[in-house]
Amino acid sequence: MVEVVKATRGPLIELHSVVRHVHGNEVSIWVAGEMLIGSQEVVYARELKLNTLQVLCLTVEKGGKQRRFVVDKWVYRKGELDNYASIHIWDETGNADAPPGYAYNPDNGSVWLDFIAVGE
C-alpha cells in the first residue's frame, strides 16, 4: 500500500512502509518511501508521519539519461517535536547547487529520492 502525502507546497512524498518498534520504554518509528523534491526544500517530520525526525537516509533514484546528483541533508534540532530536514541537491561535481528549474534536472527541477526516516 502506498500513501501519497502532498503539502500545499514542497515535496511529493510516497510512503511505502511504516514500522513501529517498541523496546522497553522506548518507541521508534521507521518510515520508508520515495519523495520528489527539489534542492533547497525542507521535509517536515509530520509529512513523514513522525512526531520527531532523528535520522533521514536519502539515495538518488537514477534512470534513463538522468545526470548524477549528490544529495546532502541537515536535520534541524534532531529529536525535537515537529522538526524538519533541509535538503540540498548538488550537480555531479558537488560544486554547484541544483535548485528547482536546474536545466539538467528531470521533472521540472525535482529529483526522485528513496528515503528511510527514523523518529518517534
PDB file of N, CA and C in Angstrom:
ATOM      1  N   MET A   1       0.834  -1.174   0.000  1.00  0.00           N
ATOM      2  CA  MET A   1       0.000   0.000   0.000  1.00  0.00           C
ATOM      3  C   MET A   1       0.886   1.246   0.000  1.00  0.00           C
ATOM      4  N   VAL A   2       0.604   2.169  -0.866  1.00  0.00           N
ATOM      5  CA  VAL A   2       1.355   3.418  -0.958  1.00  0.00           C
ATOM      6  C   VAL A   2       0.432   4.561  -0.554  1.00  0.00           C
ATOM      7  N   GLU A   3       0.906   5.365   0.393  1.00  0.00           N
ATOM      8  CA  GLU A   3       0.155   6.539   0.809  1.00  0.00           C
ATOM      9  C   GLU A   3       0.875   7.761   0.274  1.00  0.00           C
ATOM     10  N   VAL A   4       0.166   8.601  -0.468  1.00  0.00           N
ATOM     11  CA  VAL A   4       0.764   9.799  -1.052  1.00  0.00           C
ATOM     12  C   VAL A   4       0.479  10.989  -0.150  1.00  0.00           C
ATOM     13  N   VAL A   5       1.542  11.723   0.196  1.00  0.00           N
ATOM     14  CA  VAL A   5       1.428  12.897   1.040  1.00  0.00           C
ATOM     15  C   VAL A   5       1.889  14.090   0.222  1.00  0.00           C
ATOM     16  N   LYS A   6       1.057  15.097   0.102  1.00  0.00           N
ATOM     17  CA  LYS A   6       1.441  16.298  -0.635  1.00  0.00           C
ATOM     18  C   LYS A   6       1.034  17.512   0.176  1.00  0.00           C
ATOM     19  N   ALA A   7       2.033  18.278   0.590  1.00  0.00           N
ATOM     20  CA  ALA A   7       1.765  19.528   1.278  1.00  0.00           C
ATOM     21  C   ALA A   7       1.305  20.555   0.240  1.00  0.00           C
ATOM     22  N   THR A   8       0.833  21.702   0.692  1.00  0.00           N
ATOM     23  CA  THR A   8       0.391  22.734  -0.242  1.00  0.00           C
ATOM     24  C   THR A   8       1.525  23.176  -1.151  1.00  0.00           C
ATOM     25  N   ARG A   9       2.737  23.087  -0.644  1.00  0.00           N
ATOM     26  CA  ARG A   9       3.929  23.334  -1.460  1.00  0.00           C
ATOM     27  C   ARG A   9       5.004  22.401  -0.940  1.00  0.00           C
ATOM     28  N   GLY A  10       6.048  22.258  -1.689  1.00  0.00           N
ATOM     29  CA  GLY A  10       7.118  21.376  -1.247  1.00  0.00           C
ATOM     30  C   GLY A  10       7.062  20.025  -1.933  1.00  0.00           C
ATOM     31  N   PRO A  11       7.688  19.026  -1.325  1.00  0.00           N
ATOM     32  CA  PRO A  11       7.875  17.736  -1.991  1.00  0.00           C
ATOM     33  C   PRO A  11       6.612  16.888  -2.053  1.00  0.00           C
ATOM     34  N   LEU A  12       6.616  15.995  -3.034  1.00  0.00           N
ATOM     35  CA  LEU A  12       5.595  14.949  -3.131  1.00  0.00           C
ATOM     36  C   LEU A  12       6.201  13.729  -2.453  1.00  0.00           C
ATOM     37  N   ILE A  13       5.513  13.171  -1.458  1.00  0.00           N
ATOM     38  CA  ILE A  13       6.059  12.071  -0.677  1.00  0.00           C
ATOM     39  C   ILE A  13       5.153  10.858  -0.811  1.00  0.00           C
ATOM     40  N   GLU A  14       5.758   9.715  -1.124  1.00  0.00           N
ATOM     41  CA  GLU A  14       5.034   8.443  -1.189  1.00  0.00           C
ATOM     42  C   GLU A  14       5.564   7.551  -0.071  1.00  0.00           C
ATOM     43  N   LEU A  15       4.724   7.213   0.884  1.00  0.00           N
ATOM     44  CA  LEU A  15       5.110   6.346   1.990  1.00  0.00           C
ATOM     45  C   LEU A  15       4.809   4.902   1.609  1.00  0.00           C
ATOM     46  N   HIS A  16       5.809   4.037   1.673  1.00  0.00           N
ATOM     47  CA  HIS A  16       5.640   2.633   1.319  1.00  0.00           C
ATOM     48  C   HIS A  16       5.535   1.743   2.544  1.00  0.00           C
ATOM     49  N   SER A  17       6.179   2.132   3.638  1.00  0.00           N
ATOM     50  CA  SER A  17       6.183   1.288   4.827  1.00  0.00           C
ATOM     51  C   SER A  17       6.367   2.138   6.074  1.00  0.00           C
ATOM     52  N   VAL A  18       5.580   1.860   7.096  1.00  0.00           N
ATOM     53  CA  VAL A  18       5.721   2.500   8.398  1.00  0.00           C
ATOM     54  C   VAL A  18       5.769   1.377   9.427  1.00  0.00           C
ATOM     55  N   VAL A  19       6.881   1.297  10.167  1.00  0.00           N
ATOM     56  CA  VAL A  19       7.079   0.222  11.137  1.00  0.00           C
ATOM     57  C   VAL A  19       7.318   0.837  12.505  1.00  0.00           C
ATOM     58  N   ARG A  20       6.628   0.329  13.509  1.00  0.00           N
ATOM     59  CA  ARG A  20       6.768   0.825  14.885  1.00  0.00           C
ATOM     60  C   ARG A  20       7.538  -0.213  15.694  1.00  0.00           C
ATOM     61  N   HIS A  21       8.664   0.209  16.291  1.00  0.00           N
ATOM     62  CA  HIS A  21       9.483  -0.673  17.125  1.00  0.00           C
ATOM     63  C   HIS A  21       9.319  -0.258  18.585  1.00  0.00           C
ATOM     64  N   VAL A  22       9.049  -1.231  19.448  1.00  0.00           N
ATOM     65  CA  VAL A  22       8.952  -0.968  20.881  1.00  0.00           C
ATOM     66  C   VAL A  22      10.034  -1.782  21.570  1.00  0.00           C
ATOM     67  N   HIS A  23      10.906  -1.079  22.297  1.00  0.00           N
ATOM     68  CA  HIS A  23      11.989  -1.746  23.028  1.00  0.00           C
ATOM     69  C   HIS A  23      12.005  -1.167  24.441  1.00  0.00           C
ATOM     70  N   GLY A  24      11.491  -1.923  25.413  1.00  0.00           N
ATOM     71  CA  GLY A  24      11.393  -1.408  26.780  1.00  0.00           C
ATOM     72  C   GLY A  24      10.441  -0.240  26.813  1.00  0.00           C
ATOM     73  N   ASN A  25      10.910   0.905  27.272  1.00  0.00           N
ATOM     74  CA  ASN A  25      10.086   2.115  27.328  1.00  0.00           C
ATOM     75  C   ASN A  25      10.276   3.004  26.105  1.00  0.00           C
ATOM     76  N   GLU A  26      11.113   2.572  25.178  1.00  0.00           N
ATOM     77  CA  GLU A  26      11.425   3.392  24.012  1.00  0.00           C
ATOM     78  C   GLU A  26      10.637   2.927  22.799  1.00  0.00           C
ATOM     79  N   VAL A  27      10.087   3.875  22.077  1.00  0.00           N
ATOM     80  CA  VAL A  27       9.340   3.582  20.847  1.00  0.00           C
ATOM     81  C   VAL A  27      10.002   4.355  19.709  1.00  0.00           C
ATOM     82  N   SER A  28      10.303   3.676  18.618  1.00  0.00           N
ATOM     83  CA  SER A  28      10.816   4.360  17.436  1.00  0.00           C
ATOM     84  C   SER A  28       9.984   3.942  16.233  1.00  0.00           C
ATOM     85  N   ILE A  29       9.868   4.833  15.291  1.00  0.00           N
ATOM     86  CA  ILE A  29       9.093   4.582  14.083  1.00  0.00           C
ATOM     87  C   ILE A  29      10.021   4.727  12.890  1.00  0.00           C
ATOM     88  N   TRP A  30      10.009   3.721  12.028  1.00  0.00           N
ATOM     89  CA  TRP A  30      10.806   3.709  10.804  1.00  0.00           C
ATOM     90  C   TRP A  30       9.855   3.869   9.625  1.00  0.00           C
ATOM     91  N   VAL A  31      10.143   4.813   8.759  1.00  0.00           N
ATOM     92  CA  VAL A  31       9.309   5.084   7.589  1.00  0.00           C
ATOM     93  C   VAL A  31      10.187   4.953   6.343  1.00  0.00           C
ATOM     94  N   ALA A  32       9.692   4.259   5.341  1.00  0.00           N
ATOM     95  CA  ALA A  32      10.414   4.107   4.074  1.00  0.00           C
ATOM     96  C   ALA A  32       9.514   4.543   2.934  1.00  0.00           C
ATOM     97  N   GLY A  33      10.111   5.138   1.914  1.00  0.00           N
ATOM     98  CA  GLY A  33       9.332   5.573   0.769  1.00  0.00           C
ATOM     99  C   GLY A  33      10.176   6.324  -0.234  1.00  0.00           C
ATOM    100  N   GLU A  34       9.480   7.146  -1.029  1.00  0.00           N
ATOM    101  CA  GLU A  34      10.129   7.953  -2.060  1.00  0.00           C
ATOM    102  C   GLU A  34       9.598   9.370  -1.981  1.00  0.00           C
ATOM    103  N   MET A  35      10.425  10.322  -2.404  1.00  0.00           N
ATOM    104  CA  MET A  35       9.966  11.704  -2.465  1.00  0.00           C
ATOM    105  C   MET A  35      10.480  12.361  -3.730  1.00  0.00           C
ATOM    106  N   LEU A  36       9.652  13.214  -4.298  1.00  0.00           N
ATOM    107  CA  LEU A  36      10.026  14.031  -5.448  1.00  0.00           C
ATOM    108  C   LEU A  36      10.266  15.426  -4.893  1.00  0.00           C
ATOM    109  N   ILE A  37      11.537  15.838  -4.889  1.00  0.00           N
ATOM    110  CA  ILE A  37      11.893  17.067  -4.186  1.00  0.00           C
ATOM    111  C   ILE A  37      12.956  17.833  -4.963  1.00  0.00           C
ATOM    112  N   GLY A  38      12.924  19.140  -4.841  1.00  0.00           N
ATOM    113  CA  GLY A  38      13.934  19.994  -5.439  1.00  0.00           C
ATOM    114  C   GLY A  38      14.934  20.421  -4.383  1.00  0.00           C
ATOM    115  N   SER A  39      16.046  20.953  -4.819  1.00  0.00           N
ATOM    116  CA  SER A  39      17.066  21.412  -3.887  1.00  0.00           C
ATOM    117  C   SER A  39      16.553  22.602  -3.087  1.00  0.00           C
ATOM    118  N   GLN A  40      17.086  22.775  -1.903  1.00  0.00           N
ATOM    119  CA  GLN A  40      16.761  23.874  -1.004  1.00  0.00           C
ATOM    120  C   GLN A  40      15.329  23.805  -0.493  1.00  0.00           C
ATOM    121  N   GLU A  41      14.739  22.611  -0.505  1.00  0.00           N
ATOM    122  CA  GLU A  41      13.414  22.426   0.068  1.00  0.00           C
ATOM    123  C   GLU A  41      13.553  21.733   1.410  1.00  0.00           C
ATOM    124  N   VAL A  42      12.503  21.776   2.206  1.00  0.00           N
ATOM    125  CA  VAL A  42      12.522  21.128   3.513  1.00  0.00           C
ATOM    126  C   VAL A  42      11.432  20.067   3.585  1.00  0.00           C
ATOM    127  N   VAL A  43      11.690  19.059   4.422  1.00  0.00           N
ATOM    128  CA  VAL A  43      10.731  17.998   4.688  1.00  0.00           C
ATOM    129  C   VAL A  43      10.465  18.008   6.187  1.00  0.00           C
ATOM    130  N   TYR A  44       9.218  18.207   6.569  1.00  0.00           N
ATOM    131  CA  TYR A  44       8.848  18.233   7.981  1.00  0.00           C
ATOM    132  C   TYR A  44       8.557  16.828   8.485  1.00  0.00           C
ATOM    133  N   ALA A  45       8.816  16.619   9.765  1.00  0.00           N
ATOM    134  CA  ALA A  45       8.578  15.323  10.397  1.00  0.00           C
ATOM    135  C   ALA A  45       7.129  14.877  10.190  1.00  0.00           C
ATOM    136  N   ARG A  46       6.181  15.792  10.313  1.00  0.00           N
ATOM    137  CA  ARG A  46       4.763  15.432  10.190  1.00  0.00           C
ATOM    138  C   ARG A  46       4.413  14.943   8.775  1.00  0.00           C
ATOM    139  N   GLU A  47       5.159  15.409   7.754  1.00  0.00           N
ATOM    140  CA  GLU A  47       4.918  14.937   6.394  1.00  0.00           C
ATOM    141  C   GLU A  47       5.352  13.487   6.225  1.00  0.00           C
ATOM    142  N   LEU A  48       6.242  13.026   7.110  1.00  0.00           N
ATOM    143  CA  LEU A  48       6.706  11.641   7.076  1.00  0.00           C
ATOM    144  C   LEU A  48       5.965  10.781   8.094  1.00  0.00           C
ATOM    145  N   LYS A  49       4.863  11.317   8.648  1.00  0.00           N
ATOM    146  CA  LYS A  49       4.044  10.628   9.658  1.00  0.00           C
ATOM    147  C   LYS A  49       4.821  10.398  10.952  1.00  0.00           C
ATOM    148  N   LEU A  50       5.720  11.319  11.282  1.00  0.00           N
ATOM    149  CA  LEU A  50       6.511  11.249  12.508  1.00  0.00           C
ATOM    150  C   LEU A  50       6.241  12.480  13.365  1.00  0.00           C
ATOM    151  N   ASN A  51       6.395  12.338  14.681  1.00  0.00           N
ATOM    152  CA  ASN A  51       6.328  13.493  15.574  1.00  0.00           C
ATOM    153  C   ASN A  51       7.675  14.198  15.642  1.00  0.00           C
ATOM    154  N   THR A  52       8.747  13.415  15.607  1.00  0.00           N
ATOM    155  CA  THR A  52      10.102  13.965  15.600  1.00  0.00           C
ATOM    156  C   THR A  52      10.912  13.242  14.535  1.00  0.00           C
ATOM    157  N   LEU A  53      11.838  13.941  13.944  1.00  0.00           N
ATOM    158  CA  LEU A  53      12.732  13.356  12.944  1.00  0.00           C
ATOM    159  C   LEU A  53      14.126  13.301  13.532  1.00  0.00           C
ATOM    160  N   GLN A  54      14.724  12.103  13.561  1.00  0.00           N
ATOM    161  CA  GLN A  54      16.059  11.954  14.117  1.00  0.00           C
ATOM    162  C   GLN A  54      17.075  11.564  13.052  1.00  0.00           C
ATOM    163  N   VAL A  55      16.690  10.661  12.139  1.00  0.00           N
ATOM    164  CA  VAL A  55      17.593  10.175  11.097  1.00  0.00           C
ATOM    165  C   VAL A  55      16.862  10.211   9.761  1.00  0.00           C
ATOM    166  N   LEU A  56      17.537  10.679   8.721  1.00  0.00           N
ATOM    167  CA  LEU A  56      16.983  10.665   7.376  1.00  0.00           C
ATOM    168  C   LEU A  56      18.083  10.213   6.421  1.00  0.00           C
ATOM    169  N   CYS A  57      17.892   9.056   5.813  1.00  0.00           N
ATOM    170  CA  CYS A  57      18.856   8.500   4.864  1.00  0.00           C
ATOM    171  C   CYS A  57      18.265   8.640   3.464  1.00  0.00           C
ATOM    172  N   LEU A  58      18.989   9.280   2.555  1.00  0.00           N
ATOM    173  CA  LEU A  58      18.498   9.566   1.205  1.00  0.00           C
ATOM    174  C   LEU A  58      19.409   8.951   0.151  1.00  0.00           C
ATOM    175  N   THR A  59      18.817   8.388  -0.899  1.00  0.00           N
ATOM    176  CA  THR A  59      19.578   7.931  -2.055  1.00  0.00           C
ATOM    177  C   THR A  59      18.868   8.407  -3.316  1.00  0.00           C
ATOM    178  N   VAL A  60      19.646   8.732  -4.325  1.00  0.00           N
ATOM    179  CA  VAL A  60      19.101   9.222  -5.593  1.00  0.00           C
ATOM    180  C   VAL A  60      18.655   8.045  -6.440  1.00  0.00           C
ATOM    181  N   GLU A  61      17.467   8.157  -7.013  1.00  0.00           N
ATOM    182  CA  GLU A  61      16.966   7.131  -7.921  1.00  0.00           C
ATOM    183  C   GLU A  61      17.325   7.558  -9.336  1.00  0.00           C
ATOM    184  N   LYS A  62      18.201   6.812  -9.973  1.00  0.00           N
ATOM    185  CA  LYS A  62      18.662   7.161 -11.314  1.00  0.00           C
ATOM    186  C   LYS A  62      17.969   6.290 -12.348  1.00  0.00           C
ATOM    187  N   GLY A  63      17.816   6.833 -13.536  1.00  0.00           N
ATOM    188  CA  GLY A  63      17.219   6.075 -14.618  1.00  0.00           C
ATOM    189  C   GLY A  63      17.324   6.835 -15.918  1.00  0.00           C
ATOM    190  N   GLY A  64      17.425   6.124 -17.009  1.00  0.00           N
ATOM    191  CA  GLY A  64      17.493   6.771 -18.317  1.00  0.00           C
ATOM    192  C   GLY A  64      18.730   7.630 -18.463  1.00  0.00           C
ATOM    193  N   LYS A  65      18.544   8.855 -18.945  1.00  0.00           N
ATOM    194  CA  LYS A  65      19.667   9.759 -19.196  1.00  0.00           C
ATOM    195  C   LYS A  65      19.855  10.762 -18.062  1.00  0.00           C
ATOM    196  N   GLN A  66      19.303  10.455 -16.921  1.00  0.00           N
ATOM    197  CA  GLN A  66      19.403  11.371 -15.793  1.00  0.00           C
ATOM    198  C   GLN A  66      20.851  11.541 -15.355  1.00  0.00           C
ATOM    199  N   ARG A  67      21.219  12.760 -15.043  1.00  0.00           N
ATOM    200  CA  ARG A  67      22.573  13.048 -14.581  1.00  0.00           C
ATOM    201  C   ARG A  67      22.763  12.555 -13.163  1.00  0.00           C
ATOM    202  N   ARG A  68      24.007  12.489 -12.762  1.00  0.00           N
ATOM    203  CA  ARG A  68      24.328  12.103 -11.389  1.00  0.00           C
ATOM    204  C   ARG A  68      24.129  13.312 -10.472  1.00  0.00           C
ATOM    205  N   PHE A  69      23.614  13.046  -9.281  1.00  0.00           N
ATOM    206  CA  PHE A  69      23.417  14.099  -8.299  1.00  0.00           C
ATOM    207  C   PHE A  69      23.963  13.639  -6.966  1.00  0.00           C
ATOM    208  N   VAL A  70      24.385  14.601  -6.171  1.00  0.00           N
ATOM    209  CA  VAL A  70      24.834  14.346  -4.814  1.00  0.00           C
ATOM    210  C   VAL A  70      23.805  14.996  -3.898  1.00  0.00           C
ATOM    211  N   VAL A  71      23.289  14.217  -2.947  1.00  0.00           N
ATOM    212  CA  VAL A  71      22.249  14.722  -2.051  1.00  0.00           C
ATOM    213  C   VAL A  71      22.841  14.925  -0.665  1.00  0.00           C
ATOM    214  N   ASP A  72      22.531  16.058  -0.090  1.00  0.00           N
ATOM    215  CA  ASP A  72      23.005  16.413   1.238  1.00  0.00           C
ATOM    216  C   ASP A  72      21.799  16.865   2.053  1.00  0.00           C
ATOM    217  N   LYS A  73      21.803  16.564   3.349  1.00  0.00           N
ATOM    218  CA  LYS A  73      20.696  16.981   4.201  1.00  0.00           C
ATOM    219  C   LYS A  73      21.211  17.416   5.555  1.00  0.00           C
ATOM    220  N   TRP A  74      20.380  18.211   6.228  1.00  0.00           N
ATOM    221  CA  TRP A  74      20.685  18.667   7.570  1.00  0.00           C
ATOM    222  C   TRP A  74      19.396  18.595   8.369  1.00  0.00           C
ATOM    223  N   VAL A  75      19.405  17.840   9.459  1.00  0.00           N
ATOM    224  CA  VAL A  75      18.215  17.696  10.301  1.00  0.00           C
ATOM    225  C   VAL A  75      18.272  18.759  11.389  1.00  0.00           C
ATOM    226  N   TYR A  76      17.269  19.614  11.403  1.00  0.00           N
ATOM    227  CA  TYR A  76      17.195  20.718  12.346  1.00  0.00           C
ATOM    228  C   TYR A  76      16.670  20.227  13.693  1.00  0.00           C
ATOM    229  N   ARG A  77      17.413  20.439  14.753  1.00  0.00           N
ATOM    230  CA  ARG A  77      17.031  20.065  16.120  1.00  0.00           C
ATOM    231  C   ARG A  77      16.547  18.624  16.211  1.00  0.00           C
ATOM    232  N   LYS A  78      17.458  17.705  15.968  1.00  0.00           N
ATOM    233  CA  LYS A  78      17.148  16.273  15.972  1.00  0.00           C
ATOM    234  C   LYS A  78      16.365  15.876  17.220  1.00  0.00           C
ATOM    235  N   GLY A  79      15.286  15.146  16.995  1.00  0.00           N
ATOM    236  CA  GLY A  79      14.500  14.606  18.093  1.00  0.00           C
ATOM    237  C   GLY A  79      13.495  15.561  18.709  1.00  0.00           C
ATOM    238  N   GLU A  80      13.491  16.848  18.315  1.00  0.00           N
ATOM    239  CA  GLU A  80      12.512  17.781  18.863  1.00  0.00           C
ATOM    240  C   GLU A  80      11.200  17.678  18.101  1.00  0.00           C
ATOM    241  N   LEU A  81      10.131  18.005  18.759  1.00  0.00           N
ATOM    242  CA  LEU A  81       8.788  17.887  18.196  1.00  0.00           C
ATOM    243  C   LEU A  81       8.638  18.710  16.920  1.00  0.00           C
ATOM    244  N   ASP A  82       8.121  18.077  15.878  1.00  0.00           N
ATOM    245  CA  ASP A  82       7.811  18.729  14.595  1.00  0.00           C
ATOM    246  C   ASP A  82       9.001  19.460  13.980  1.00  0.00           C
ATOM    247  N   ASN A  83      10.173  18.816  13.987  1.00  0.00           N
ATOM    248  CA  ASN A  83      11.338  19.417  13.354  1.00  0.00           C
ATOM    249  C   ASN A  83      11.344  19.102  11.857  1.00  0.00           C
ATOM    250  N   TYR A  84      12.416  19.460  11.163  1.00  0.00           N
ATOM    251  CA  TYR A  84      12.462  19.270   9.719  1.00  0.00           C
ATOM    252  C   TYR A  84      13.878  18.988   9.258  1.00  0.00           C
ATOM    253  N   ALA A  85      13.987  18.567   8.003  1.00  0.00           N
ATOM    254  CA  ALA A  85      15.288  18.366   7.365  1.00  0.00           C
ATOM    255  C   ALA A  85      15.361  19.257   6.135  1.00  0.00           C
ATOM    256  N   SER A  86      16.468  19.947   5.989  1.00  0.00           N
ATOM    257  CA  SER A  86      16.731  20.765   4.817  1.00  0.00           C
ATOM    258  C   SER A  86      17.546  19.919   3.839  1.00  0.00           C
ATOM    259  N   ILE A  87      17.095  19.882   2.585  1.00  0.00           N
ATOM    260  CA  ILE A  87      17.728  19.013   1.594  1.00  0.00           C
ATOM    261  C   ILE A  87      18.330  19.853   0.469  1.00  0.00           C
ATOM    262  N   HIS A  88      19.578  19.523   0.124  1.00  0.00           N
ATOM    263  CA  HIS A  88      20.250  20.172  -0.996  1.00  0.00           C
ATOM    264  C   HIS A  88      20.658  19.111  -2.001  1.00  0.00           C
ATOM    265  N   ILE A  89      20.496  19.419  -3.266  1.00  0.00           N
ATOM    266  CA  ILE A  89      20.862  18.520  -4.351  1.00  0.00           C
ATOM    267  C   ILE A  89      21.940  19.231  -5.174  1.00  0.00           C
ATOM    268  N   TRP A  90      23.093  18.590  -5.278  1.00  0.00           N
ATOM    269  CA  TRP A  90      24.244  19.173  -5.964  1.00  0.00           C
ATOM    270  C   TRP A  90      24.448  18.477  -7.303  1.00  0.00           C
ATOM    271  N   ASP A  91      25.096  19.162  -8.239  1.00  0.00           N
ATOM    272  CA  ASP A  91      25.424  18.518  -9.512  1.00  0.00           C
ATOM    273  C   ASP A  91      26.488  17.459  -9.279  1.00  0.00           C
ATOM    274  N   GLU A  92      26.841  16.737 -10.327  1.00  0.00           N
ATOM    275  CA  GLU A  92      27.746  15.595 -10.165  1.00  0.00           C
ATOM    276  C   GLU A  92      29.140  15.980  -9.663  1.00  0.00           C
ATOM    277  N   THR A  93      29.540  17.228  -9.824  1.00  0.00           N
ATOM    278  CA  THR A  93      30.849  17.654  -9.330  1.00  0.00           C
ATOM    279  C   THR A  93      30.797  18.009  -7.850  1.00  0.00           C
ATOM    280  N   GLY A  94      29.600  18.240  -7.342  1.00  0.00           N
ATOM    281  CA  GLY A  94      29.446  18.620  -5.946  1.00  0.00           C
ATOM    282  C   GLY A  94      29.789  20.069  -5.682  1.00  0.00           C
ATOM    283  N   ASN A  95      29.964  20.848  -6.754  1.00  0.00           N
ATOM    284  CA  ASN A  95      30.372  22.242  -6.597  1.00  0.00           C
ATOM    285  C   ASN A  95      29.230  23.235  -6.728  1.00  0.00           C
ATOM    286  N   ALA A  96      28.169  22.868  -7.429  1.00  0.00           N
ATOM    287  CA  ALA A  96      27.083  23.811  -7.665  1.00  0.00           C
ATOM    288  C   ALA A  96      25.762  23.228  -7.207  1.00  0.00           C
ATOM    289  N   ASP A  97      24.979  24.054  -6.543  1.00  0.00           N
ATOM    290  CA  ASP A  97      23.654  23.634  -6.110  1.00  0.00           C
ATOM    291  C   ASP A  97      22.754  23.496  -7.330  1.00  0.00           C
ATOM    292  N   ALA A  98      21.897  22.484  -7.329  1.00  0.00           N
ATOM    293  CA  ALA A  98      20.987  22.254  -8.451  1.00  0.00           C
ATOM    294  C   ALA A  98      19.565  22.578  -7.996  1.00  0.00           C
ATOM    295  N   PRO A  99      19.202  23.863  -7.974  1.00  0.00           N
ATOM    296  CA  PRO A  99      17.883  24.255  -7.471  1.00  0.00           C
ATOM    297  C   PRO A  99      16.763  23.863  -8.428  1.00  0.00           C
ATOM    298  N   PRO A 100      15.496  23.961  -7.968  1.00  0.00           N
ATOM    299  CA  PRO A 100      14.395  23.692  -8.879  1.00  0.00           C
ATOM    300  C   PRO A 100      14.539  24.525 -10.147  1.00  0.00           C
ATOM    301  N   GLY A 101      14.301  23.924 -11.292  1.00  0.00           N
ATOM    302  CA  GLY A 101      14.463  24.602 -12.561  1.00  0.00           C
ATOM    303  C   GLY A 101      15.829  24.423 -13.170  1.00  0.00           C
ATOM    304  N   TYR A 102      16.712  23.729 -12.481  1.00  0.00           N
ATOM    305  CA  TYR A 102      18.053  23.445 -12.991  1.00  0.00           C
ATOM    306  C   TYR A 102      17.916  22.743 -14.330  1.00  0.00           C
ATOM    307  N   ALA A 103      18.602  23.226 -15.346  1.00  0.00           N
ATOM    308  CA  ALA A 103      18.387  22.789 -16.727  1.00  0.00           C
ATOM    309  C   ALA A 103      18.508  21.278 -16.921  1.00  0.00           C
ATOM    310  N   TYR A 104      19.418  20.632 -16.213  1.00  0.00           N
ATOM    311  CA  TYR A 104      19.618  19.205 -16.429  1.00  0.00           C
ATOM    312  C   TYR A 104      18.849  18.344 -15.432  1.00  0.00           C
ATOM    313  N   ASN A 105      18.112  18.982 -14.559  1.00  0.00           N
ATOM    314  CA  ASN A 105      17.348  18.269 -13.547  1.00  0.00           C
ATOM    315  C   ASN A 105      16.054  17.745 -14.172  1.00  0.00           C
ATOM    316  N   PRO A 106      15.743  16.466 -14.044  1.00  0.00           N
ATOM    317  CA  PRO A 106      14.488  15.949 -14.583  1.00  0.00           C
ATOM    318  C   PRO A 106      13.295  16.412 -13.759  1.00  0.00           C
ATOM    319  N   ASP A 107      12.101  16.192 -14.267  1.00  0.00           N
ATOM    320  CA  ASP A 107      10.866  16.502 -13.539  1.00  0.00           C
ATOM    321  C   ASP A 107      10.802  17.944 -13.054  1.00  0.00           C
ATOM    322  N   ASN A 108      11.100  18.891 -13.930  1.00  0.00           N
ATOM    323  CA  ASN A 108      10.988  20.313 -13.619  1.00  0.00           C
ATOM    324  C   ASN A 108      11.799  20.740 -12.405  1.00  0.00           C
ATOM    325  N   GLY A 109      13.008  20.254 -12.295  1.00  0.00           N
ATOM    326  CA  GLY A 109      13.881  20.679 -11.218  1.00  0.00           C
ATOM    327  C   GLY A 109      13.836  19.824  -9.980  1.00  0.00           C
ATOM    328  N   SER A 110      13.051  18.760  -9.980  1.00  0.00           N
ATOM    329  CA  SER A 110      12.972  17.882  -8.826  1.00  0.00           C
ATOM    330  C   SER A 110      13.569  16.522  -9.151  1.00  0.00           C
ATOM    331  N   VAL A 111      13.993  15.827  -8.113  1.00  0.00           N
ATOM    332  CA  VAL A 111      14.624  14.528  -8.268  1.00  0.00           C
ATOM    333  C   VAL A 111      13.908  13.538  -7.361  1.00  0.00           C
ATOM    334  N   TRP A 112      13.716  12.309  -7.845  1.00  0.00           N
ATOM    335  CA  TRP A 112      13.144  11.257  -7.003  1.00  0.00           C
ATOM    336  C   TRP A 112      14.222  10.727  -6.083  1.00  0.00           C
ATOM    337  N   LEU A 113      13.946  10.726  -4.789  1.00  0.00           N
ATOM    338  CA  LEU A 113      14.859  10.199  -3.787  1.00  0.00           C
ATOM    339  C   LEU A 113      14.171   9.084  -3.015  1.00  0.00           C
ATOM    340  N   ASP A 114      14.884   7.980  -2.793  1.00  0.00           N
ATOM    341  CA  ASP A 114      14.412   6.947  -1.885  1.00  0.00           C
ATOM    342  C   ASP A 114      14.849   7.389  -0.491  1.00  0.00           C
ATOM    343  N   PHE A 115      14.016   7.121   0.530  1.00  0.00           N
ATOM    344  CA  PHE A 115      14.397   7.543   1.865  1.00  0.00           C
ATOM    345  C   PHE A 115      13.983   6.522   2.922  1.00  0.00           C
ATOM    346  N   ILE A 116      14.727   6.563   4.008  1.00  0.00           N
ATOM    347  CA  ILE A 116      14.363   5.883   5.246  1.00  0.00           C
ATOM    348  C   ILE A 116      14.492   6.926   6.339  1.00  0.00           C
ATOM    349  N   ALA A 117      13.425   7.109   7.115  1.00  0.00           N
ATOM    350  CA  ALA A 117      13.434   8.090   8.201  1.00  0.00           C
ATOM    351  C   ALA A 117      13.143   7.391   9.510  1.00  0.00           C
ATOM    352  N   VAL A 118      13.790   7.851  10.563  1.00  0.00           N
ATOM    353  CA  VAL A 118      13.582   7.283  11.894  1.00  0.00           C
ATOM    354  C   VAL A 118      13.224   8.427  12.841  1.00  0.00           C
ATOM    355  N   GLY A 119      12.229   8.190  13.665  1.00  0.00           N
ATOM    356  CA  GLY A 119      11.815   9.198  14.640  1.00  0.00           C
ATOM    357  C   GLY A 119      10.865   8.592  15.644  1.00  0.00           C
ATOM    358  N   GLU A 120      10.080   9.444  16.266  1.00  0.00           N
ATOM    359  CA  GLU A 120       9.079   8.991  17.231  1.00  0.00           C
ATOM    360  C   GLU A 120       7.704   9.335  16.730  1.00  0.00           C
TER     361      GLU A 120
END
